[in-house]
Amino acid sequence: MRVITGKYKGRRFDVPRTFKARPTTDFAKENVFNVLRSYLDFEETTALDLFGGTGSITLELLSRGCPQVTTVEKDRQHYLFIRSVLRELNDEAANPLQGDALKFIERCRQPFELVFADPPYALPELPELPERVLKSDCLKPGGLFILEHGKNHDFSHLPEFLEHRSYGSVNFSFFRKPETAE
């Protein structure tokens, strides 16, 4: 696993071969972060990484200067790996949590400007994930939600949908939570 750019650019971390996670490819990660750059300033963005997996997205967000990145990962071995990598970096902006991402969405009371989710493609709740996140308190009004998913999902019917990007077999759908009425 490699960090693409930022203060940790080029750093590599060996993911244990026993991991079940499907890490986002470097090609897809680099491209989605290039798109994200047009939507936000990383140095002013608090972020939530749901279904942390290997921690690849978390590391990229930290490397690009996000002042706070919370990662939620259910699998204990994956969580311990993410935590060990973050301890090695000694980055105080990181907040790794072990827990169920779906339950976290429901209980979260701290809103983030960016929520990134890379759930297992076979997750039964994946089709309803955008609506769950967009209606929750974990995403600030006006905040961005990025969902990584397989090619068999289409979320363009949702009013908060912004765009879809595809990089090989990796797909990303972008959403913006509406601003609250004043």
N, C-alpha and C. Protein backbone atom coordinates (compact mmCIF):
# COMPACT_ATOMS: atom_id res chain seq x y z
N MET A 1 0.86 -1.17 0.00
CA MET A 1 0.00 0.00 0.00
C MET A 1 0.91 1.23 0.00
N ARG A 2 0.58 2.18 -0.87
CA ARG A 2 1.44 3.34 -1.06
C ARG A 2 0.64 4.63 -0.91
N VAL A 3 1.26 5.65 -0.28
CA VAL A 3 0.66 6.97 -0.20
C VAL A 3 1.04 7.73 -1.46
N ILE A 4 0.05 8.29 -2.14
CA ILE A 4 0.26 8.91 -3.46
C ILE A 4 0.96 10.26 -3.37
N THR A 5 0.46 11.17 -2.53
CA THR A 5 1.05 12.50 -2.47
C THR A 5 0.86 13.11 -1.09
N GLY A 6 1.47 14.28 -0.88
CA GLY A 6 1.37 14.96 0.40
C GLY A 6 2.57 14.69 1.29
N LYS A 7 2.40 14.95 2.57
CA LYS A 7 3.54 14.85 3.49
C LYS A 7 4.05 13.43 3.67
N TYR A 8 3.25 12.43 3.37
CA TYR A 8 3.68 11.03 3.47
C TYR A 8 3.90 10.40 2.09
N LYS A 9 4.03 11.23 1.08
CA LYS A 9 4.18 10.76 -0.30
C LYS A 9 5.28 9.69 -0.40
N GLY A 10 4.91 8.61 -1.09
CA GLY A 10 5.88 7.55 -1.34
C GLY A 10 6.03 6.54 -0.21
N ARG A 11 5.47 6.83 0.97
CA ARG A 11 5.57 5.87 2.08
C ARG A 11 4.80 4.62 1.70
N ARG A 12 5.39 3.48 2.02
CA ARG A 12 4.76 2.19 1.73
C ARG A 12 4.55 1.43 3.03
N PHE A 13 3.43 0.73 3.07
CA PHE A 13 3.09 -0.08 4.22
C PHE A 13 2.66 -1.44 3.71
N ASP A 14 3.25 -2.48 4.27
CA ASP A 14 2.94 -3.84 3.84
C ASP A 14 1.68 -4.34 4.53
N VAL A 15 0.65 -4.57 3.72
CA VAL A 15 -0.61 -5.10 4.23
C VAL A 15 -0.46 -6.61 4.38
N PRO A 16 -0.81 -7.15 5.54
CA PRO A 16 -0.71 -8.61 5.72
C PRO A 16 -1.49 -9.37 4.64
N ARG A 17 -0.92 -10.45 4.17
CA ARG A 17 -1.55 -11.24 3.10
C ARG A 17 -2.83 -11.91 3.55
N THR A 18 -3.02 -12.02 4.84
CA THR A 18 -4.22 -12.67 5.37
C THR A 18 -5.45 -11.77 5.33
N PHE A 19 -5.26 -10.49 4.98
CA PHE A 19 -6.39 -9.55 4.98
C PHE A 19 -7.40 -9.89 3.90
N LYS A 20 -8.67 -9.74 4.25
CA LYS A 20 -9.76 -9.97 3.31
C LYS A 20 -10.10 -8.70 2.53
N ALA A 21 -9.61 -7.56 2.98
CA ALA A 21 -9.97 -6.27 2.38
C ALA A 21 -9.48 -6.17 0.94
N ARG A 22 -10.23 -5.44 0.15
CA ARG A 22 -9.90 -5.16 -1.23
C ARG A 22 -9.47 -3.68 -1.27
N PRO A 23 -8.16 -3.41 -1.17
CA PRO A 23 -7.74 -2.01 -1.14
C PRO A 23 -8.01 -1.30 -2.46
N THR A 24 -8.34 -0.03 -2.37
CA THR A 24 -8.53 0.79 -3.56
C THR A 24 -7.22 0.84 -4.33
N THR A 25 -7.27 0.61 -5.62
CA THR A 25 -6.04 0.63 -6.42
C THR A 25 -5.41 2.01 -6.40
N ASP A 26 -4.09 2.06 -6.56
CA ASP A 26 -3.40 3.35 -6.60
C ASP A 26 -3.95 4.23 -7.72
N PHE A 27 -4.22 3.62 -8.88
CA PHE A 27 -4.75 4.36 -10.02
C PHE A 27 -6.09 5.01 -9.67
N ALA A 28 -6.99 4.24 -9.10
CA ALA A 28 -8.31 4.76 -8.73
C ALA A 28 -8.19 5.81 -7.63
N LYS A 29 -7.34 5.52 -6.64
CA LYS A 29 -7.17 6.44 -5.51
C LYS A 29 -6.62 7.78 -5.99
N GLU A 30 -5.59 7.74 -6.82
CA GLU A 30 -5.01 8.99 -7.33
C GLU A 30 -6.04 9.80 -8.10
N ASN A 31 -6.82 9.14 -8.93
CA ASN A 31 -7.81 9.85 -9.74
C ASN A 31 -8.96 10.41 -8.91
N VAL A 32 -9.46 9.64 -7.96
CA VAL A 32 -10.57 10.15 -7.15
C VAL A 32 -10.10 11.32 -6.28
N PHE A 33 -8.87 11.28 -5.81
CA PHE A 33 -8.36 12.41 -5.02
C PHE A 33 -8.13 13.64 -5.89
N ASN A 34 -7.77 13.45 -7.15
CA ASN A 34 -7.67 14.59 -8.07
C ASN A 34 -9.03 15.24 -8.27
N VAL A 35 -10.07 14.44 -8.38
CA VAL A 35 -11.43 14.98 -8.50
C VAL A 35 -11.82 15.69 -7.21
N LEU A 36 -11.55 15.08 -6.08
CA LEU A 36 -11.89 15.68 -4.79
C LEU A 36 -11.26 17.06 -4.61
N ARG A 37 -10.06 17.22 -5.14
CA ARG A 37 -9.35 18.50 -5.04
C ARG A 37 -10.17 19.65 -5.62
N SER A 38 -11.01 19.35 -6.62
CA SER A 38 -11.83 20.41 -7.21
C SER A 38 -13.05 20.74 -6.34
N TYR A 39 -13.37 19.88 -5.40
CA TYR A 39 -14.52 20.09 -4.53
C TYR A 39 -14.18 20.70 -3.18
N LEU A 40 -12.94 20.48 -2.70
CA LEU A 40 -12.63 20.91 -1.34
C LEU A 40 -11.15 21.19 -1.15
N ASP A 41 -10.86 21.86 -0.05
CA ASP A 41 -9.49 22.12 0.37
C ASP A 41 -9.19 21.14 1.51
N PHE A 42 -8.33 20.18 1.25
CA PHE A 42 -8.05 19.14 2.24
C PHE A 42 -7.62 19.71 3.58
N GLU A 43 -6.85 20.79 3.56
CA GLU A 43 -6.31 21.35 4.80
C GLU A 43 -7.38 22.00 5.67
N GLU A 44 -8.59 22.14 5.14
CA GLU A 44 -9.70 22.70 5.91
C GLU A 44 -10.85 21.70 6.05
N THR A 45 -10.58 20.43 5.81
CA THR A 45 -11.64 19.43 5.75
C THR A 45 -11.48 18.35 6.81
N THR A 46 -12.50 18.20 7.64
CA THR A 46 -12.54 17.07 8.57
C THR A 46 -13.16 15.90 7.81
N ALA A 47 -12.62 14.71 8.03
CA ALA A 47 -13.04 13.57 7.22
C ALA A 47 -13.34 12.34 8.06
N LEU A 48 -14.27 11.55 7.55
CA LEU A 48 -14.65 10.28 8.14
C LEU A 48 -14.46 9.21 7.08
N ASP A 49 -13.67 8.19 7.41
CA ASP A 49 -13.42 7.07 6.51
C ASP A 49 -14.16 5.85 7.07
N LEU A 50 -15.28 5.51 6.44
CA LEU A 50 -16.08 4.36 6.88
C LEU A 50 -15.61 3.10 6.18
N PHE A 51 -15.62 1.99 6.87
CA PHE A 51 -15.12 0.72 6.33
C PHE A 51 -13.64 0.89 5.98
N GLY A 52 -12.84 1.27 6.98
CA GLY A 52 -11.45 1.65 6.79
C GLY A 52 -10.56 0.64 6.08
N GLY A 53 -10.87 -0.64 6.18
CA GLY A 53 -10.11 -1.67 5.45
C GLY A 53 -8.64 -1.70 5.82
N THR A 54 -7.80 -1.27 4.89
CA THR A 54 -6.35 -1.23 5.12
C THR A 54 -5.88 0.13 5.64
N GLY A 55 -6.76 1.13 5.61
CA GLY A 55 -6.39 2.47 6.03
C GLY A 55 -5.83 3.31 4.90
N SER A 56 -5.87 2.82 3.69
CA SER A 56 -5.29 3.51 2.55
C SER A 56 -5.90 4.90 2.33
N ILE A 57 -7.21 5.01 2.41
CA ILE A 57 -7.88 6.30 2.20
C ILE A 57 -7.55 7.24 3.36
N THR A 58 -7.58 6.72 4.57
CA THR A 58 -7.22 7.52 5.75
C THR A 58 -5.82 8.11 5.60
N LEU A 59 -4.87 7.28 5.21
CA LEU A 59 -3.49 7.76 5.05
C LEU A 59 -3.39 8.85 3.99
N GLU A 60 -4.12 8.69 2.91
CA GLU A 60 -4.09 9.70 1.85
C GLU A 60 -4.70 11.02 2.34
N LEU A 61 -5.79 10.94 3.09
CA LEU A 61 -6.42 12.15 3.64
C LEU A 61 -5.48 12.85 4.61
N LEU A 62 -4.83 12.10 5.49
CA LEU A 62 -3.87 12.68 6.43
C LEU A 62 -2.68 13.29 5.69
N SER A 63 -2.18 12.58 4.70
CA SER A 63 -1.03 13.04 3.94
C SER A 63 -1.31 14.36 3.24
N ARG A 64 -2.55 14.54 2.82
CA ARG A 64 -2.94 15.76 2.11
C ARG A 64 -3.32 16.90 3.06
N GLY A 65 -3.23 16.65 4.36
CA GLY A 65 -3.37 17.74 5.32
C GLY A 65 -4.69 17.88 6.04
N CYS A 66 -5.58 16.91 5.95
CA CYS A 66 -6.84 17.02 6.70
C CYS A 66 -6.53 17.16 8.19
N PRO A 67 -7.14 18.14 8.85
CA PRO A 67 -6.85 18.37 10.27
C PRO A 67 -7.42 17.31 11.21
N GLN A 68 -8.39 16.54 10.72
CA GLN A 68 -8.96 15.46 11.53
C GLN A 68 -9.51 14.39 10.60
N VAL A 69 -9.09 13.15 10.84
CA VAL A 69 -9.58 12.01 10.07
C VAL A 69 -9.95 10.89 11.04
N THR A 70 -11.21 10.56 11.07
CA THR A 70 -11.70 9.45 11.89
C THR A 70 -11.93 8.26 10.97
N THR A 71 -11.42 7.11 11.38
CA THR A 71 -11.56 5.88 10.61
C THR A 71 -12.36 4.88 11.42
N VAL A 72 -13.33 4.24 10.78
CA VAL A 72 -14.13 3.21 11.44
C VAL A 72 -13.93 1.90 10.70
N GLU A 73 -13.44 0.90 11.41
CA GLU A 73 -13.21 -0.43 10.83
C GLU A 73 -13.70 -1.49 11.81
N LYS A 74 -14.49 -2.41 11.33
CA LYS A 74 -15.10 -3.45 12.17
C LYS A 74 -14.14 -4.60 12.48
N ASP A 75 -13.41 -5.06 11.48
CA ASP A 75 -12.53 -6.21 11.64
C ASP A 75 -11.36 -5.87 12.57
N ARG A 76 -11.20 -6.65 13.62
CA ARG A 76 -10.17 -6.34 14.63
C ARG A 76 -8.76 -6.32 14.06
N GLN A 77 -8.41 -7.29 13.22
CA GLN A 77 -7.06 -7.34 12.65
C GLN A 77 -6.80 -6.12 11.76
N HIS A 78 -7.78 -5.74 10.99
CA HIS A 78 -7.63 -4.56 10.13
C HIS A 78 -7.48 -3.30 10.97
N TYR A 79 -8.33 -3.19 11.99
CA TYR A 79 -8.25 -2.05 12.89
C TYR A 79 -6.87 -1.96 13.54
N LEU A 80 -6.36 -3.08 14.04
CA LEU A 80 -5.04 -3.08 14.69
C LEU A 80 -3.94 -2.69 13.70
N PHE A 81 -4.07 -3.12 12.45
CA PHE A 81 -3.09 -2.74 11.43
C PHE A 81 -3.15 -1.23 11.19
N ILE A 82 -4.35 -0.70 11.00
CA ILE A 82 -4.51 0.75 10.78
C ILE A 82 -3.92 1.51 11.96
N ARG A 83 -4.25 1.09 13.16
CA ARG A 83 -3.75 1.77 14.36
C ARG A 83 -2.23 1.73 14.42
N SER A 84 -1.62 0.60 14.07
CA SER A 84 -0.16 0.50 14.12
C SER A 84 0.50 1.42 13.09
N VAL A 85 -0.08 1.51 11.91
CA VAL A 85 0.46 2.42 10.89
C VAL A 85 0.34 3.87 11.36
N LEU A 86 -0.80 4.22 11.93
CA LEU A 86 -1.00 5.59 12.40
C LEU A 86 -0.07 5.92 13.57
N ARG A 87 0.19 4.94 14.42
CA ARG A 87 1.15 5.17 15.52
C ARG A 87 2.54 5.40 14.97
N GLU A 88 2.89 4.65 13.94
CA GLU A 88 4.20 4.82 13.30
C GLU A 88 4.35 6.23 12.75
N LEU A 89 3.28 6.76 12.18
CA LEU A 89 3.32 8.12 11.63
C LEU A 89 3.23 9.18 12.72
N ASN A 90 2.68 8.81 13.88
CA ASN A 90 2.50 9.74 14.99
C ASN A 90 1.75 10.99 14.55
N ASP A 91 0.68 10.80 13.80
CA ASP A 91 -0.12 11.91 13.28
C ASP A 91 -1.30 12.13 14.22
N GLU A 92 -1.30 13.27 14.90
CA GLU A 92 -2.34 13.56 15.89
C GLU A 92 -3.70 13.83 15.27
N ALA A 93 -3.76 14.00 13.96
CA ALA A 93 -5.04 14.24 13.30
C ALA A 93 -5.85 12.96 13.12
N ALA A 94 -5.22 11.82 13.38
CA ALA A 94 -5.86 10.51 13.16
C ALA A 94 -6.63 10.04 14.38
N ASN A 95 -7.81 9.47 14.12
CA ASN A 95 -8.64 8.92 15.18
C ASN A 95 -9.23 7.59 14.71
N PRO A 96 -8.49 6.49 14.90
CA PRO A 96 -9.01 5.18 14.47
C PRO A 96 -9.97 4.60 15.51
N LEU A 97 -11.08 4.05 15.03
CA LEU A 97 -12.07 3.44 15.90
C LEU A 97 -12.39 2.04 15.40
N GLN A 98 -12.54 1.12 16.32
CA GLN A 98 -13.00 -0.21 15.93
C GLN A 98 -14.50 -0.27 16.18
N GLY A 99 -15.26 -0.61 15.14
CA GLY A 99 -16.70 -0.71 15.30
C GLY A 99 -17.39 -0.90 13.98
N ASP A 100 -18.69 -1.08 14.06
CA ASP A 100 -19.54 -1.29 12.90
C ASP A 100 -19.85 0.07 12.26
N ALA A 101 -19.49 0.24 11.01
CA ALA A 101 -19.68 1.52 10.32
C ALA A 101 -21.16 1.90 10.23
N LEU A 102 -22.02 0.94 10.00
CA LEU A 102 -23.45 1.24 9.88
C LEU A 102 -24.02 1.74 11.21
N LYS A 103 -23.60 1.14 12.30
CA LYS A 103 -24.04 1.61 13.62
C LYS A 103 -23.43 2.98 13.93
N PHE A 104 -22.19 3.19 13.50
CA PHE A 104 -21.53 4.47 13.72
C PHE A 104 -22.31 5.59 13.03
N ILE A 105 -22.76 5.35 11.81
CA ILE A 105 -23.53 6.36 11.07
C ILE A 105 -24.75 6.78 11.88
N GLU A 106 -25.45 5.82 12.45
CA GLU A 106 -26.67 6.10 13.21
C GLU A 106 -26.39 6.85 14.51
N ARG A 107 -25.25 6.58 15.13
CA ARG A 107 -24.95 7.16 16.45
C ARG A 107 -24.11 8.42 16.39
N CYS A 108 -23.50 8.69 15.27
CA CYS A 108 -22.56 9.80 15.13
C CYS A 108 -23.25 11.14 15.36
N ARG A 109 -22.66 11.96 16.18
CA ARG A 109 -23.19 13.31 16.42
C ARG A 109 -22.17 14.39 16.06
N GLN A 110 -21.02 13.97 15.59
CA GLN A 110 -20.00 14.92 15.16
C GLN A 110 -20.02 14.97 13.64
N PRO A 111 -20.43 16.09 13.06
CA PRO A 111 -20.49 16.15 11.60
C PRO A 111 -19.12 16.40 10.96
N PHE A 112 -18.90 15.76 9.83
CA PHE A 112 -17.67 15.90 9.06
C PHE A 112 -17.99 16.57 7.73
N GLU A 113 -16.98 17.23 7.15
CA GLU A 113 -17.15 17.85 5.83
C GLU A 113 -17.07 16.83 4.70
N LEU A 114 -16.36 15.73 4.96
CA LEU A 114 -16.20 14.68 3.95
C LEU A 114 -16.41 13.33 4.61
N VAL A 115 -17.26 12.51 4.00
CA VAL A 115 -17.41 11.12 4.43
C VAL A 115 -17.08 10.26 3.22
N PHE A 116 -16.14 9.35 3.41
CA PHE A 116 -15.72 8.42 2.35
C PHE A 116 -16.06 7.02 2.83
N ALA A 117 -16.74 6.26 1.99
CA ALA A 117 -17.10 4.89 2.36
C ALA A 117 -16.67 3.92 1.27
N ASP A 118 -15.95 2.90 1.68
CA ASP A 118 -15.52 1.83 0.78
C ASP A 118 -15.96 0.50 1.39
N PRO A 119 -17.28 0.24 1.37
CA PRO A 119 -17.77 -1.00 1.98
C PRO A 119 -17.48 -2.21 1.12
N PRO A 120 -17.60 -3.40 1.71
CA PRO A 120 -17.52 -4.60 0.86
C PRO A 120 -18.58 -4.50 -0.24
N TYR A 121 -18.21 -4.81 -1.45
CA TYR A 121 -19.15 -4.68 -2.57
C TYR A 121 -20.39 -5.55 -2.38
N ALA A 122 -20.28 -6.62 -1.61
CA ALA A 122 -21.41 -7.53 -1.38
C ALA A 122 -22.24 -7.13 -0.15
N LEU A 123 -21.95 -6.00 0.46
CA LEU A 123 -22.69 -5.56 1.64
C LEU A 123 -24.17 -5.40 1.28
N PRO A 124 -25.06 -6.12 1.96
CA PRO A 124 -26.49 -6.02 1.63
C PRO A 124 -27.05 -4.60 1.75
N GLU A 125 -26.50 -3.80 2.66
CA GLU A 125 -26.99 -2.43 2.88
C GLU A 125 -26.38 -1.41 1.93
N LEU A 126 -25.49 -1.82 1.04
CA LEU A 126 -24.81 -0.87 0.16
C LEU A 126 -25.79 -0.01 -0.64
N PRO A 127 -26.86 -0.55 -1.22
CA PRO A 127 -27.76 0.30 -2.00
C PRO A 127 -28.40 1.45 -1.21
N GLU A 128 -28.56 1.28 0.09
CA GLU A 128 -29.19 2.33 0.90
C GLU A 128 -28.16 3.19 1.64
N LEU A 129 -26.90 2.92 1.46
CA LEU A 129 -25.85 3.64 2.18
C LEU A 129 -25.86 5.15 1.90
N PRO A 130 -25.99 5.59 0.64
CA PRO A 130 -26.02 7.05 0.43
C PRO A 130 -27.11 7.75 1.23
N GLU A 131 -28.31 7.20 1.22
CA GLU A 131 -29.40 7.84 1.96
C GLU A 131 -29.15 7.81 3.46
N ARG A 132 -28.58 6.74 3.96
CA ARG A 132 -28.26 6.66 5.40
C ARG A 132 -27.28 7.75 5.79
N VAL A 133 -26.21 7.90 5.01
CA VAL A 133 -25.19 8.90 5.34
C VAL A 133 -25.74 10.31 5.17
N LEU A 134 -26.43 10.56 4.07
CA LEU A 134 -26.93 11.90 3.78
C LEU A 134 -27.98 12.37 4.79
N LYS A 135 -28.70 11.45 5.39
CA LYS A 135 -29.73 11.81 6.38
C LYS A 135 -29.18 11.81 7.80
N SER A 136 -27.96 11.38 7.98
CA SER A 136 -27.38 11.27 9.32
C SER A 136 -26.74 12.58 9.76
N ASP A 137 -26.32 12.59 11.02
CA ASP A 137 -25.60 13.75 11.56
C ASP A 137 -24.10 13.65 11.34
N CYS A 138 -23.63 12.59 10.67
CA CYS A 138 -22.17 12.46 10.49
C CYS A 138 -21.66 13.31 9.31
N LEU A 139 -22.55 13.83 8.49
CA LEU A 139 -22.14 14.67 7.36
C LEU A 139 -22.74 16.06 7.54
N LYS A 140 -21.88 17.07 7.50
CA LYS A 140 -22.32 18.45 7.65
C LYS A 140 -23.19 18.86 6.46
N PRO A 141 -24.12 19.79 6.66
CA PRO A 141 -24.83 20.35 5.52
C PRO A 141 -23.83 20.94 4.53
N GLY A 142 -23.99 20.62 3.27
CA GLY A 142 -23.05 21.05 2.25
C GLY A 142 -21.86 20.13 2.10
N GLY A 143 -21.77 19.11 2.97
CA GLY A 143 -20.64 18.19 2.95
C GLY A 143 -20.72 17.19 1.81
N LEU A 144 -19.57 16.58 1.51
CA LEU A 144 -19.46 15.60 0.43
C LEU A 144 -19.46 14.18 0.97
N PHE A 145 -20.15 13.30 0.25
CA PHE A 145 -20.11 11.88 0.54
C PHE A 145 -19.62 11.17 -0.71
N ILE A 146 -18.58 10.37 -0.56
CA ILE A 146 -18.03 9.59 -1.67
C ILE A 146 -18.22 8.12 -1.33
N LEU A 147 -18.82 7.39 -2.26
CA LEU A 147 -19.06 5.96 -2.08
C LEU A 147 -18.33 5.19 -3.16
N GLU A 148 -17.46 4.28 -2.74
CA GLU A 148 -16.82 3.36 -3.68
C GLU A 148 -17.70 2.13 -3.78
N HIS A 149 -17.93 1.67 -5.02
CA HIS A 149 -18.85 0.55 -5.22
C HIS A 149 -18.56 -0.16 -6.53
N GLY A 150 -19.18 -1.29 -6.71
CA GLY A 150 -19.04 -2.05 -7.95
C GLY A 150 -19.85 -1.42 -9.08
N LYS A 151 -19.65 -1.93 -10.28
CA LYS A 151 -20.29 -1.34 -11.47
C LYS A 151 -21.79 -1.59 -11.54
N ASN A 152 -22.31 -2.51 -10.74
CA ASN A 152 -23.72 -2.84 -10.82
C ASN A 152 -24.63 -1.90 -10.02
N HIS A 153 -24.07 -0.84 -9.46
CA HIS A 153 -24.88 0.12 -8.70
C HIS A 153 -24.95 1.45 -9.43
N ASP A 154 -26.15 2.03 -9.45
CA ASP A 154 -26.37 3.34 -10.07
C ASP A 154 -27.15 4.19 -9.08
N PHE A 155 -26.56 5.29 -8.67
CA PHE A 155 -27.19 6.16 -7.68
C PHE A 155 -27.61 7.50 -8.28
N SER A 156 -27.60 7.62 -9.59
CA SER A 156 -27.88 8.89 -10.26
C SER A 156 -29.31 9.39 -10.04
N HIS A 157 -30.21 8.54 -9.57
CA HIS A 157 -31.59 8.94 -9.32
C HIS A 157 -31.75 9.76 -8.03
N LEU A 158 -30.75 9.71 -7.16
CA LEU A 158 -30.84 10.44 -5.89
C LEU A 158 -30.62 11.93 -6.12
N PRO A 159 -31.42 12.79 -5.48
CA PRO A 159 -31.29 14.24 -5.71
C PRO A 159 -29.94 14.81 -5.27
N GLU A 160 -29.27 14.15 -4.32
CA GLU A 160 -27.97 14.65 -3.83
C GLU A 160 -26.80 14.19 -4.70
N PHE A 161 -27.07 13.35 -5.67
CA PHE A 161 -26.03 12.80 -6.55
C PHE A 161 -25.37 13.92 -7.35
N LEU A 162 -24.04 13.92 -7.39
CA LEU A 162 -23.29 14.91 -8.17
C LEU A 162 -22.70 14.32 -9.43
N GLU A 163 -21.96 13.22 -9.27
CA GLU A 163 -21.31 12.62 -10.43
C GLU A 163 -20.84 11.21 -10.10
N HIS A 164 -20.51 10.49 -11.16
CA HIS A 164 -20.01 9.12 -11.07
C HIS A 164 -18.68 9.07 -11.81
N ARG A 165 -17.71 8.41 -11.22
CA ARG A 165 -16.42 8.20 -11.87
C ARG A 165 -16.09 6.72 -11.83
N SER A 166 -15.52 6.23 -12.92
CA SER A 166 -15.17 4.82 -13.02
C SER A 166 -13.71 4.71 -13.42
N TYR A 167 -12.96 3.89 -12.70
CA TYR A 167 -11.55 3.64 -12.98
C TYR A 167 -11.35 2.13 -12.99
N GLY A 168 -11.45 1.55 -14.17
CA GLY A 168 -11.40 0.10 -14.28
C GLY A 168 -12.64 -0.50 -13.63
N SER A 169 -12.44 -1.39 -12.70
CA SER A 169 -13.58 -2.02 -12.01
C SER A 169 -14.00 -1.25 -10.76
N VAL A 170 -13.32 -0.13 -10.49
CA VAL A 170 -13.61 0.66 -9.30
C VAL A 170 -14.49 1.84 -9.69
N ASN A 171 -15.60 2.00 -8.98
CA ASN A 171 -16.55 3.07 -9.25
C ASN A 171 -16.73 3.94 -8.01
N PHE A 172 -16.88 5.24 -8.24
CA PHE A 172 -17.13 6.18 -7.17
C PHE A 172 -18.35 7.01 -7.53
N SER A 173 -19.25 7.17 -6.57
CA SER A 173 -20.37 8.09 -6.72
C SER A 173 -20.19 9.21 -5.71
N PHE A 174 -20.40 10.44 -6.17
CA PHE A 174 -20.22 11.64 -5.36
C PHE A 174 -21.59 12.22 -5.05
N PHE A 175 -21.77 12.65 -3.80
CA PHE A 175 -23.02 13.24 -3.35
C PHE A 175 -22.71 14.47 -2.51
N ARG A 176 -23.64 15.43 -2.51
CA ARG A 176 -23.51 16.59 -1.61
C ARG A 176 -24.78 16.69 -0.78
N LYS A 177 -24.58 16.76 0.54
CA LYS A 177 -25.73 16.94 1.44
C LYS A 177 -26.25 18.36 1.27
N PRO A 178 -27.55 18.53 1.13
CA PRO A 178 -28.09 19.89 0.97
C PRO A 178 -27.76 20.78 2.16
N GLU A 179 -27.59 22.06 1.87
CA GLU A 179 -27.42 23.05 2.94
C GLU A 179 -28.74 23.14 3.69
N THR A 180 -28.68 23.45 4.96
CA THR A 180 -29.92 23.59 5.73
C THR A 180 -30.58 24.92 5.40
N ALA A 181 -31.89 24.94 5.50
CA ALA A 181 -32.63 26.19 5.26
C ALA A 181 -32.36 27.16 6.40
N GLU A 182 -32.21 28.42 6.04
CA GLU A 182 -31.92 29.42 7.08
C GLU A 182 -33.14 30.21 7.42
